[in-house]
Amino acid sequence: MNAMIVLGGNMYDDSTIEHFLADAAAIGYRGVEIRGVGELKDGRIPQERAVHIKQLLDGYRLTPTNLSLFAGNFACNTEEENLVEFDKWERYLDFASVIGLRHDAA
């Protein structure tokens, strides 16, 4: 097993991604959890910004291990609300792809 201890982002919810990544690297982490808060809420992040975040991750030699976000509540939503949630999920998947987060089926 090749495990990695990563820095979770919950204590940085009110900070910038730059601050979070700089701290993670300075502390010596190799991986980070990217949270869907602040500018990442709802996955509405411009492509250029996603690329910049990828460059930061690469520059700090940090691996994004997971996205912590909320999309769903499908059983309680109307059909229209579910379509909005599916769109949000797709935006998160696009962002994950840009920053190098992989989906490995178990």
PDB file of N, CA and C in Angstrom:
ATOM      1  N   MET A   1       0.837  -1.173   0.000  1.00  0.00           N
ATOM      2  CA  MET A   1       0.000   0.000   0.000  1.00  0.00           C
ATOM      3  C   MET A   1       0.889   1.246   0.000  1.00  0.00           C
ATOM      4  N   ASN A   2       0.527   2.190  -0.824  1.00  0.00           N
ATOM      5  CA  ASN A   2       1.270   3.448  -0.921  1.00  0.00           C
ATOM      6  C   ASN A   2       0.365   4.576  -0.448  1.00  0.00           C
ATOM      7  N   ALA A   3       0.364   4.845   0.856  1.00  0.00           N
ATOM      8  CA  ALA A   3      -0.513   5.852   1.443  1.00  0.00           C
ATOM      9  C   ALA A   3       0.174   7.211   1.487  1.00  0.00           C
ATOM     10  N   MET A   4      -0.639   8.252   1.473  1.00  0.00           N
ATOM     11  CA  MET A   4      -0.127   9.616   1.552  1.00  0.00           C
ATOM     12  C   MET A   4      -0.982  10.383   2.560  1.00  0.00           C
ATOM     13  N   ILE A   5      -0.353  11.037   3.516  1.00  0.00           N
ATOM     14  CA  ILE A   5      -1.073  11.918   4.435  1.00  0.00           C
ATOM     15  C   ILE A   5      -1.164  13.275   3.763  1.00  0.00           C
ATOM     16  N   VAL A   6      -2.380  13.800   3.690  1.00  0.00           N
ATOM     17  CA  VAL A   6      -2.602  15.063   2.981  1.00  0.00           C
ATOM     18  C   VAL A   6      -3.146  16.121   3.931  1.00  0.00           C
ATOM     19  N   LEU A   7      -2.990  17.373   3.542  1.00  0.00           N
ATOM     20  CA  LEU A   7      -3.559  18.474   4.309  1.00  0.00           C
ATOM     21  C   LEU A   7      -4.970  18.725   3.813  1.00  0.00           C
ATOM     22  N   GLY A   8      -5.928  18.632   4.730  1.00  0.00           N
ATOM     23  CA  GLY A   8      -7.319  18.947   4.406  1.00  0.00           C
ATOM     24  C   GLY A   8      -7.519  20.451   4.388  1.00  0.00           C
ATOM     25  N   GLY A   9      -8.455  20.881   3.597  1.00  0.00           N
ATOM     26  CA  GLY A   9      -8.634  22.309   3.410  1.00  0.00           C
ATOM     27  C   GLY A   9      -9.624  22.988   4.325  1.00  0.00           C
ATOM     28  N   ASN A  10     -10.272  22.246   5.245  1.00  0.00           N
ATOM     29  CA  ASN A  10     -11.359  22.869   6.008  1.00  0.00           C
ATOM     30  C   ASN A  10     -10.916  24.052   6.857  1.00  0.00           C
ATOM     31  N   MET A  11      -9.696  24.057   7.353  1.00  0.00           N
ATOM     32  CA  MET A  11      -9.262  25.202   8.154  1.00  0.00           C
ATOM     33  C   MET A  11      -8.875  26.397   7.280  1.00  0.00           C
ATOM     34  N   TYR A  12      -8.918  26.224   5.960  1.00  0.00           N
ATOM     35  CA  TYR A  12      -8.577  27.299   5.022  1.00  0.00           C
ATOM     36  C   TYR A  12      -9.798  27.774   4.229  1.00  0.00           C
ATOM     37  N   ASP A  13     -10.991  27.434   4.702  1.00  0.00           N
ATOM     38  CA  ASP A  13     -12.199  27.803   3.962  1.00  0.00           C
ATOM     39  C   ASP A  13     -12.333  29.308   3.745  1.00  0.00           C
ATOM     40  N   ASP A  14     -11.799  30.109   4.658  1.00  0.00           N
ATOM     41  CA  ASP A  14     -11.906  31.564   4.537  1.00  0.00           C
ATOM     42  C   ASP A  14     -10.635  32.194   3.978  1.00  0.00           C
ATOM     43  N   SER A  15      -9.782  31.392   3.401  1.00  0.00           N
ATOM     44  CA  SER A  15      -8.505  31.863   2.877  1.00  0.00           C
ATOM     45  C   SER A  15      -8.474  31.671   1.369  1.00  0.00           C
ATOM     46  N   THR A  16      -7.343  31.999   0.776  1.00  0.00           N
ATOM     47  CA  THR A  16      -7.192  31.786  -0.666  1.00  0.00           C
ATOM     48  C   THR A  16      -6.541  30.434  -0.928  1.00  0.00           C
ATOM     49  N   ILE A  17      -6.723  29.940  -2.118  1.00  0.00           N
ATOM     50  CA  ILE A  17      -6.075  28.680  -2.495  1.00  0.00           C
ATOM     51  C   ILE A  17      -4.558  28.855  -2.504  1.00  0.00           C
ATOM     52  N   GLU A  18      -4.097  30.059  -2.851  1.00  0.00           N
ATOM     53  CA  GLU A  18      -2.657  30.330  -2.837  1.00  0.00           C
ATOM     54  C   GLU A  18      -2.089  30.160  -1.427  1.00  0.00           C
ATOM     55  N   HIS A  19      -2.767  30.717  -0.437  1.00  0.00           N
ATOM     56  CA  HIS A  19      -2.323  30.612   0.954  1.00  0.00           C
ATOM     57  C   HIS A  19      -2.328  29.151   1.402  1.00  0.00           C
ATOM     58  N   PHE A  20      -3.390  28.445   1.099  1.00  0.00           N
ATOM     59  CA  PHE A  20      -3.519  27.039   1.474  1.00  0.00           C
ATOM     60  C   PHE A  20      -2.394  26.199   0.875  1.00  0.00           C
ATOM     61  N   LEU A  21      -2.159  26.341  -0.419  1.00  0.00           N
ATOM     62  CA  LEU A  21      -1.132  25.534  -1.073  1.00  0.00           C
ATOM     63  C   LEU A  21       0.269  25.895  -0.586  1.00  0.00           C
ATOM     64  N   ALA A  22       0.526  27.187  -0.386  1.00  0.00           N
ATOM     65  CA  ALA A  22       1.834  27.608   0.126  1.00  0.00           C
ATOM     66  C   ALA A  22       2.086  27.008   1.509  1.00  0.00           C
ATOM     67  N   ASP A  23       1.076  27.053   2.376  1.00  0.00           N
ATOM     68  CA  ASP A  23       1.229  26.468   3.707  1.00  0.00           C
ATOM     69  C   ASP A  23       1.452  24.962   3.636  1.00  0.00           C
ATOM     70  N   ALA A  24       0.672  24.286   2.804  1.00  0.00           N
ATOM     71  CA  ALA A  24       0.821  22.824   2.685  1.00  0.00           C
ATOM     72  C   ALA A  24       2.242  22.458   2.273  1.00  0.00           C
ATOM     73  N   ALA A  25       2.774  23.186   1.309  1.00  0.00           N
ATOM     74  CA  ALA A  25       4.135  22.912   0.838  1.00  0.00           C
ATOM     75  C   ALA A  25       5.160  23.236   1.914  1.00  0.00           C
ATOM     76  N   ALA A  26       4.973  24.372   2.594  1.00  0.00           N
ATOM     77  CA  ALA A  26       5.937  24.787   3.624  1.00  0.00           C
ATOM     78  C   ALA A  26       5.972  23.797   4.788  1.00  0.00           C
ATOM     79  N   ILE A  27       4.834  23.228   5.122  1.00  0.00           N
ATOM     80  CA  ILE A  27       4.759  22.261   6.220  1.00  0.00           C
ATOM     81  C   ILE A  27       5.382  20.926   5.806  1.00  0.00           C
ATOM     82  N   GLY A  28       5.378  20.652   4.511  1.00  0.00           N
ATOM     83  CA  GLY A  28       5.981  19.424   4.021  1.00  0.00           C
ATOM     84  C   GLY A  28       5.010  18.378   3.504  1.00  0.00           C
ATOM     85  N   TYR A  29       3.750  18.763   3.336  1.00  0.00           N
ATOM     86  CA  TYR A  29       2.785  17.822   2.767  1.00  0.00           C
ATOM     87  C   TYR A  29       3.092  17.585   1.296  1.00  0.00           C
ATOM     88  N   ARG A  30       2.699  16.417   0.815  1.00  0.00           N
ATOM     89  CA  ARG A  30       2.848  16.092  -0.606  1.00  0.00           C
ATOM     90  C   ARG A  30       1.502  16.093  -1.326  1.00  0.00           C
ATOM     91  N   GLY A  31       0.413  16.069  -0.554  1.00  0.00           N
ATOM     92  CA  GLY A  31      -0.914  16.035  -1.141  1.00  0.00           C
ATOM     93  C   GLY A  31      -1.867  16.964  -0.419  1.00  0.00           C
ATOM     94  N   VAL A  32      -2.932  17.356  -1.115  1.00  0.00           N
ATOM     95  CA  VAL A  32      -3.922  18.266  -0.556  1.00  0.00           C
ATOM     96  C   VAL A  32      -5.329  17.869  -0.989  1.00  0.00           C
ATOM     97  N   GLU A  33      -6.267  18.203  -0.115  1.00  0.00           N
ATOM     98  CA  GLU A  33      -7.693  18.103  -0.416  1.00  0.00           C
ATOM     99  C   GLU A  33      -8.129  19.472  -0.917  1.00  0.00           C
ATOM    100  N   ILE A  34      -8.754  19.530  -2.065  1.00  0.00           N
ATOM    101  CA  ILE A  34      -9.263  20.789  -2.601  1.00  0.00           C
ATOM    102  C   ILE A  34     -10.749  20.860  -2.272  1.00  0.00           C
ATOM    103  N   ARG A  35     -11.143  21.924  -1.580  1.00  0.00           N
ATOM    104  CA  ARG A  35     -12.536  22.063  -1.146  1.00  0.00           C
ATOM    105  C   ARG A  35     -13.316  22.972  -2.082  1.00  0.00           C
ATOM    106  N   GLY A  36     -14.574  22.643  -2.281  1.00  0.00           N
ATOM    107  CA  GLY A  36     -15.458  23.427  -3.137  1.00  0.00           C
ATOM    108  C   GLY A  36     -16.091  24.587  -2.392  1.00  0.00           C
ATOM    109  N   VAL A  37     -15.244  25.491  -1.923  1.00  0.00           N
ATOM    110  CA  VAL A  37     -15.713  26.672  -1.198  1.00  0.00           C
ATOM    111  C   VAL A  37     -15.099  27.917  -1.845  1.00  0.00           C
ATOM    112  N   GLY A  38     -15.554  29.069  -1.394  1.00  0.00           N
ATOM    113  CA  GLY A  38     -15.009  30.315  -1.928  1.00  0.00           C
ATOM    114  C   GLY A  38     -15.168  30.378  -3.435  1.00  0.00           C
ATOM    115  N   GLU A  39     -14.091  30.669  -4.117  1.00  0.00           N
ATOM    116  CA  GLU A  39     -14.149  30.812  -5.577  1.00  0.00           C
ATOM    117  C   GLU A  39     -14.461  29.496  -6.284  1.00  0.00           C
ATOM    118  N   LEU A  40     -14.317  28.377  -5.594  1.00  0.00           N
ATOM    119  CA  LEU A  40     -14.592  27.074  -6.204  1.00  0.00           C
ATOM    120  C   LEU A  40     -16.028  26.605  -5.977  1.00  0.00           C
ATOM    121  N   LYS A  41     -16.793  27.369  -5.210  1.00  0.00           N
ATOM    122  CA  LYS A  41     -18.175  26.993  -4.923  1.00  0.00           C
ATOM    123  C   LYS A  41     -18.949  26.853  -6.227  1.00  0.00           C
ATOM    124  N   ASP A  42     -19.675  25.802  -6.332  1.00  0.00           N
ATOM    125  CA  ASP A  42     -20.500  25.491  -7.510  1.00  0.00           C
ATOM    126  C   ASP A  42     -19.686  25.222  -8.768  1.00  0.00           C
ATOM    127  N   GLY A  43     -18.373  25.106  -8.637  1.00  0.00           N
ATOM    128  CA  GLY A  43     -17.540  24.764  -9.783  1.00  0.00           C
ATOM    129  C   GLY A  43     -17.448  25.846 -10.839  1.00  0.00           C
ATOM    130  N   ARG A  44     -17.846  27.042 -10.505  1.00  0.00           N
ATOM    131  CA  ARG A  44     -17.820  28.145 -11.480  1.00  0.00           C
ATOM    132  C   ARG A  44     -16.457  28.832 -11.433  1.00  0.00           C
ATOM    133  N   ILE A  45     -15.499  28.184 -12.049  1.00  0.00           N
ATOM    134  CA  ILE A  45     -14.142  28.723 -12.046  1.00  0.00           C
ATOM    135  C   ILE A  45     -13.652  28.799 -13.482  1.00  0.00           C
ATOM    136  N   PRO A  46     -13.150  29.944 -13.890  1.00  0.00           N
ATOM    137  CA  PRO A  46     -12.680  30.079 -15.266  1.00  0.00           C
ATOM    138  C   PRO A  46     -11.537  29.101 -15.566  1.00  0.00           C
ATOM    139  N   GLN A  47     -11.467  28.678 -16.785  1.00  0.00           N
ATOM    140  CA  GLN A  47     -10.426  27.747 -17.231  1.00  0.00           C
ATOM    141  C   GLN A  47      -9.032  28.265 -16.897  1.00  0.00           C
ATOM    142  N   GLU A  48      -8.817  29.571 -17.107  1.00  0.00           N
ATOM    143  CA  GLU A  48      -7.501  30.158 -16.844  1.00  0.00           C
ATOM    144  C   GLU A  48      -7.134  30.037 -15.365  1.00  0.00           C
ATOM    145  N   ARG A  49      -8.132  30.200 -14.488  1.00  0.00           N
ATOM    146  CA  ARG A  49      -7.879  30.096 -13.051  1.00  0.00           C
ATOM    147  C   ARG A  49      -7.583  28.646 -12.675  1.00  0.00           C
ATOM    148  N   ALA A  50      -8.292  27.708 -13.263  1.00  0.00           N
ATOM    149  CA  ALA A  50      -8.035  26.289 -13.013  1.00  0.00           C
ATOM    150  C   ALA A  50      -6.618  25.922 -13.445  1.00  0.00           C
ATOM    151  N   VAL A  51      -6.190  26.431 -14.586  1.00  0.00           N
ATOM    152  CA  VAL A  51      -4.831  26.180 -15.066  1.00  0.00           C
ATOM    153  C   VAL A  51      -3.814  26.787 -14.100  1.00  0.00           C
ATOM    154  N   HIS A  52      -4.103  27.983 -13.592  1.00  0.00           N
ATOM    155  CA  HIS A  52      -3.206  28.617 -12.624  1.00  0.00           C
ATOM    156  C   HIS A  52      -3.089  27.762 -11.350  1.00  0.00           C
ATOM    157  N   ILE A  53      -4.186  27.233 -10.880  1.00  0.00           N
ATOM    158  CA  ILE A  53      -4.160  26.367  -9.694  1.00  0.00           C
ATOM    159  C   ILE A  53      -3.333  25.119  -9.978  1.00  0.00           C
ATOM    160  N   LYS A  54      -3.470  24.560 -11.158  1.00  0.00           N
ATOM    161  CA  LYS A  54      -2.649  23.407 -11.551  1.00  0.00           C
ATOM    162  C   LYS A  54      -1.168  23.779 -11.534  1.00  0.00           C
ATOM    163  N   GLN A  55      -0.834  24.965 -12.032  1.00  0.00           N
ATOM    164  CA  GLN A  55       0.563  25.411 -12.023  1.00  0.00           C
ATOM    165  C   GLN A  55       1.078  25.576 -10.596  1.00  0.00           C
ATOM    166  N   LEU A  56       0.242  26.084  -9.711  1.00  0.00           N
ATOM    167  CA  LEU A  56       0.629  26.197  -8.304  1.00  0.00           C
ATOM    168  C   LEU A  56       0.885  24.814  -7.703  1.00  0.00           C
ATOM    169  N   LEU A  57      -0.027  23.892  -7.953  1.00  0.00           N
ATOM    170  CA  LEU A  57       0.146  22.531  -7.446  1.00  0.00           C
ATOM    171  C   LEU A  57       1.459  21.934  -7.949  1.00  0.00           C
ATOM    172  N   ASP A  58       1.712  22.077  -9.231  1.00  0.00           N
ATOM    173  CA  ASP A  58       2.949  21.545  -9.814  1.00  0.00           C
ATOM    174  C   ASP A  58       4.178  22.240  -9.225  1.00  0.00           C
ATOM    175  N   GLY A  59       4.102  23.560  -9.090  1.00  0.00           N
ATOM    176  CA  GLY A  59       5.231  24.317  -8.557  1.00  0.00           C
ATOM    177  C   GLY A  59       5.569  23.932  -7.124  1.00  0.00           C
ATOM    178  N   TYR A  60       4.541  23.643  -6.350  1.00  0.00           N
ATOM    179  CA  TYR A  60       4.751  23.225  -4.965  1.00  0.00           C
ATOM    180  C   TYR A  60       4.941  21.713  -4.821  1.00  0.00           C
ATOM    181  N   ARG A  61       4.860  21.018  -5.941  1.00  0.00           N
ATOM    182  CA  ARG A  61       4.989  19.555  -5.958  1.00  0.00           C
ATOM    183  C   ARG A  61       3.950  18.896  -5.046  1.00  0.00           C
ATOM    184  N   LEU A  62       2.712  19.398  -5.164  1.00  0.00           N
ATOM    185  CA  LEU A  62       1.596  18.878  -4.388  1.00  0.00           C
ATOM    186  C   LEU A  62       0.660  18.090  -5.293  1.00  0.00           C
ATOM    187  N   THR A  63       0.161  16.998  -4.776  1.00  0.00           N
ATOM    188  CA  THR A  63      -0.793  16.171  -5.505  1.00  0.00           C
ATOM    189  C   THR A  63      -2.198  16.439  -4.980  1.00  0.00           C
ATOM    190  N   PRO A  64      -3.123  16.820  -5.857  1.00  0.00           N
ATOM    191  CA  PRO A  64      -4.509  16.937  -5.402  1.00  0.00           C
ATOM    192  C   PRO A  64      -5.089  15.529  -5.283  1.00  0.00           C
ATOM    193  N   THR A  65      -5.524  15.152  -4.094  1.00  0.00           N
ATOM    194  CA  THR A  65      -5.997  13.777  -3.889  1.00  0.00           C
ATOM    195  C   THR A  65      -7.501  13.645  -3.966  1.00  0.00           C
ATOM    196  N   ASN A  66      -8.207  14.725  -3.648  1.00  0.00           N
ATOM    197  CA  ASN A  66      -9.667  14.666  -3.713  1.00  0.00           C
ATOM    198  C   ASN A  66     -10.263  16.060  -3.714  1.00  0.00           C
ATOM    199  N   LEU A  67     -11.493  16.125  -4.210  1.00  0.00           N
ATOM    200  CA  LEU A  67     -12.292  17.338  -4.096  1.00  0.00           C
ATOM    201  C   LEU A  67     -13.313  17.092  -2.996  1.00  0.00           C
ATOM    202  N   SER A  68     -13.425  18.022  -2.087  1.00  0.00           N
ATOM    203  CA  SER A  68     -14.444  17.952  -1.048  1.00  0.00           C
ATOM    204  C   SER A  68     -15.488  19.004  -1.403  1.00  0.00           C
ATOM    205  N   LEU A  69     -16.672  18.556  -1.777  1.00  0.00           N
ATOM    206  CA  LEU A  69     -17.684  19.466  -2.298  1.00  0.00           C
ATOM    207  C   LEU A  69     -19.064  18.908  -2.049  1.00  0.00           C
ATOM    208  N   PHE A  70     -20.042  19.685  -2.382  1.00  0.00           N
ATOM    209  CA  PHE A  70     -21.407  19.191  -2.277  1.00  0.00           C
ATOM    210  C   PHE A  70     -22.119  19.368  -3.600  1.00  0.00           C
ATOM    211  N   ALA A  71     -22.579  18.260  -4.101  1.00  0.00           N
ATOM    212  CA  ALA A  71     -23.456  18.248  -5.270  1.00  0.00           C
ATOM    213  C   ALA A  71     -24.413  17.092  -5.055  1.00  0.00           C
ATOM    214  N   GLY A  72     -25.669  17.333  -5.246  1.00  0.00           N
ATOM    215  CA  GLY A  72     -26.583  16.222  -5.085  1.00  0.00           C
ATOM    216  C   GLY A  72     -27.880  16.571  -4.412  1.00  0.00           C
ATOM    217  N   ASN A  73     -28.220  15.762  -3.402  1.00  0.00           N
ATOM    218  CA  ASN A  73     -29.506  15.830  -2.721  1.00  0.00           C
ATOM    219  C   ASN A  73     -30.625  15.432  -3.677  1.00  0.00           C
ATOM    220  N   PHE A  74     -30.279  14.546  -4.603  1.00  0.00           N
ATOM    221  CA  PHE A  74     -31.155  14.204  -5.712  1.00  0.00           C
ATOM    222  C   PHE A  74     -32.521  13.677  -5.289  1.00  0.00           C
ATOM    223  N   ALA A  75     -32.579  12.914  -4.225  1.00  0.00           N
ATOM    224  CA  ALA A  75     -33.856  12.326  -3.807  1.00  0.00           C
ATOM    225  C   ALA A  75     -34.845  13.385  -3.331  1.00  0.00           C
ATOM    226  N   CYS A  76     -34.338  14.509  -2.858  1.00  0.00           N
ATOM    227  CA  CYS A  76     -35.205  15.567  -2.324  1.00  0.00           C
ATOM    228  C   CYS A  76     -35.470  16.683  -3.325  1.00  0.00           C
ATOM    229  N   ASN A  77     -34.755  16.706  -4.427  1.00  0.00           N
ATOM    230  CA  ASN A  77     -34.854  17.784  -5.407  1.00  0.00           C
ATOM    231  C   ASN A  77     -35.966  17.553  -6.407  1.00  0.00           C
ATOM    232  N   THR A  78     -36.388  18.652  -7.014  1.00  0.00           N
ATOM    233  CA  THR A  78     -37.254  18.553  -8.183  1.00  0.00           C
ATOM    234  C   THR A  78     -36.381  18.155  -9.369  1.00  0.00           C
ATOM    235  N   GLU A  79     -36.993  17.810 -10.464  1.00  0.00           N
ATOM    236  CA  GLU A  79     -36.228  17.461 -11.659  1.00  0.00           C
ATOM    237  C   GLU A  79     -35.380  18.646 -12.126  1.00  0.00           C
ATOM    238  N   GLU A  80     -35.937  19.845 -12.063  1.00  0.00           N
ATOM    239  CA  GLU A  80     -35.182  21.038 -12.462  1.00  0.00           C
ATOM    240  C   GLU A  80     -33.983  21.260 -11.547  1.00  0.00           C
ATOM    241  N   GLU A  81     -34.155  21.076 -10.241  1.00  0.00           N
ATOM    242  CA  GLU A  81     -33.047  21.228  -9.298  1.00  0.00           C
ATOM    243  C   GLU A  81     -31.963  20.181  -9.548  1.00  0.00           C
ATOM    244  N   ASN A  82     -32.385  18.969  -9.904  1.00  0.00           N
ATOM    245  CA  ASN A  82     -31.404  17.929 -10.212  1.00  0.00           C
ATOM    246  C   ASN A  82     -30.591  18.269 -11.445  1.00  0.00           C
ATOM    247  N   LEU A  83     -31.205  18.881 -12.438  1.00  0.00           N
ATOM    248  CA  LEU A  83     -30.462  19.295 -13.632  1.00  0.00           C
ATOM    249  C   LEU A  83     -29.399  20.324 -13.265  1.00  0.00           C
ATOM    250  N   VAL A  84     -29.726  21.239 -12.354  1.00  0.00           N
ATOM    251  CA  VAL A  84     -28.752  22.224 -11.879  1.00  0.00           C
ATOM    252  C   VAL A  84     -27.602  21.510 -11.177  1.00  0.00           C
ATOM    253  N   GLU A  85     -27.921  20.512 -10.351  1.00  0.00           N
ATOM    254  CA  GLU A  85     -26.889  19.763  -9.632  1.00  0.00           C
ATOM    255  C   GLU A  85     -26.004  18.959 -10.595  1.00  0.00           C
ATOM    256  N   PHE A  86     -26.600  18.372 -11.621  1.00  0.00           N
ATOM    257  CA  PHE A  86     -25.807  17.645 -12.625  1.00  0.00           C
ATOM    258  C   PHE A  86     -24.843  18.591 -13.343  1.00  0.00           C
ATOM    259  N   ASP A  87     -25.319  19.792 -13.666  1.00  0.00           N
ATOM    260  CA  ASP A  87     -24.447  20.779 -14.303  1.00  0.00           C
ATOM    261  C   ASP A  87     -23.291  21.147 -13.381  1.00  0.00           C
ATOM    262  N   LYS A  88     -23.583  21.344 -12.089  1.00  0.00           N
ATOM    263  CA  LYS A  88     -22.535  21.667 -11.126  1.00  0.00           C
ATOM    264  C   LYS A  88     -21.527  20.518 -11.047  1.00  0.00           C
ATOM    265  N   TRP A  89     -22.018  19.294 -10.992  1.00  0.00           N
ATOM    266  CA  TRP A  89     -21.142  18.118 -10.929  1.00  0.00           C
ATOM    267  C   TRP A  89     -20.226  18.072 -12.146  1.00  0.00           C
ATOM    268  N   GLU A  90     -20.767  18.357 -13.312  1.00  0.00           N
ATOM    269  CA  GLU A  90     -19.953  18.345 -14.525  1.00  0.00           C
ATOM    270  C   GLU A  90     -18.866  19.419 -14.475  1.00  0.00           C
ATOM    271  N   ARG A  91     -19.187  20.597 -13.943  1.00  0.00           N
ATOM    272  CA  ARG A  91     -18.174  21.647 -13.802  1.00  0.00           C
ATOM    273  C   ARG A  91     -17.062  21.188 -12.856  1.00  0.00           C
ATOM    274  N   TYR A  92     -17.434  20.529 -11.759  1.00  0.00           N
ATOM    275  CA  TYR A  92     -16.423  20.012 -10.833  1.00  0.00           C
ATOM    276  C   TYR A  92     -15.542  18.962 -11.512  1.00  0.00           C
ATOM    277  N   LEU A  93     -16.139  18.097 -12.312  1.00  0.00           N
ATOM    278  CA  LEU A  93     -15.344  17.090 -13.028  1.00  0.00           C
ATOM    279  C   LEU A  93     -14.381  17.739 -14.006  1.00  0.00           C
ATOM    280  N   ASP A  94     -14.824  18.783 -14.693  1.00  0.00           N
ATOM    281  CA  ASP A  94     -13.938  19.515 -15.605  1.00  0.00           C
ATOM    282  C   ASP A  94     -12.774  20.128 -14.841  1.00  0.00           C
ATOM    283  N   PHE A  95     -13.058  20.757 -13.701  1.00  0.00           N
ATOM    284  CA  PHE A  95     -12.010  21.353 -12.874  1.00  0.00           C
ATOM    285  C   PHE A  95     -11.038  20.272 -12.394  1.00  0.00           C
ATOM    286  N   ALA A  96     -11.581  19.157 -11.927  1.00  0.00           N
ATOM    287  CA  ALA A  96     -10.735  18.061 -11.450  1.00  0.00           C
ATOM    288  C   ALA A  96      -9.790  17.583 -12.544  1.00  0.00           C
ATOM    289  N   SER A  97     -10.289  17.499 -13.754  1.00  0.00           N
ATOM    290  CA  SER A  97      -9.465  17.065 -14.876  1.00  0.00           C
ATOM    291  C   SER A  97      -8.326  18.045 -15.139  1.00  0.00           C
ATOM    292  N   VAL A  98      -8.620  19.335 -15.071  1.00  0.00           N
ATOM    293  CA  VAL A  98      -7.599  20.356 -15.335  1.00  0.00           C
ATOM    294  C   VAL A  98      -6.488  20.301 -14.287  1.00  0.00           C
ATOM    295  N   ILE A  99      -6.849  20.124 -13.017  1.00  0.00           N
ATOM    296  CA  ILE A  99      -5.823  20.153 -11.966  1.00  0.00           C
ATOM    297  C   ILE A  99      -5.116  18.805 -11.776  1.00  0.00           C
ATOM    298  N   GLY A 100      -5.528  17.819 -12.563  1.00  0.00           N
ATOM    299  CA  GLY A 100      -4.813  16.549 -12.523  1.00  0.00           C
ATOM    300  C   GLY A 100      -5.360  15.529 -11.560  1.00  0.00           C
ATOM    301  N   LEU A 101      -6.573  15.747 -11.083  1.00  0.00           N
ATOM    302  CA  LEU A 101      -7.207  14.780 -10.201  1.00  0.00           C
ATOM    303  C   LEU A 101      -7.787  13.660 -11.050  1.00  0.00           C
ATOM    304  N   ARG A 102      -7.447  12.438 -10.708  1.00  0.00           N
ATOM    305  CA  ARG A 102      -7.917  11.290 -11.490  1.00  0.00           C
ATOM    306  C   ARG A 102      -9.040  10.580 -10.750  1.00  0.00           C
ATOM    307  N   HIS A 103      -9.871   9.926 -11.529  1.00  0.00           N
ATOM    308  CA  HIS A 103     -10.891   9.047 -10.958  1.00  0.00           C
ATOM    309  C   HIS A 103     -10.483   7.623 -11.253  1.00  0.00           C
ATOM    310  N   ASP A 104     -10.184   6.890 -10.207  1.00  0.00           N
ATOM    311  CA  ASP A 104      -9.831   5.485 -10.358  1.00  0.00           C
ATOM    312  C   ASP A 104     -10.965   4.637  -9.832  1.00  0.00           C
ATOM    313  N   ALA A 105     -11.593   3.912 -10.718  1.00  0.00           N
ATOM    314  CA  ALA A 105     -12.679   3.026 -10.293  1.00  0.00           C
ATOM    315  C   ALA A 105     -12.113   1.892  -9.450  1.00  0.00           C
ATOM    316  N   ALA A 106     -12.791   1.611  -8.372  1.00  0.00           N
ATOM    317  CA  ALA A 106     -12.319   0.533  -7.483  1.00  0.00           C
ATOM    318  C   ALA A 106     -12.838  -0.800  -7.932  1.00  0.00           C
TER     319      ALA A 106
END
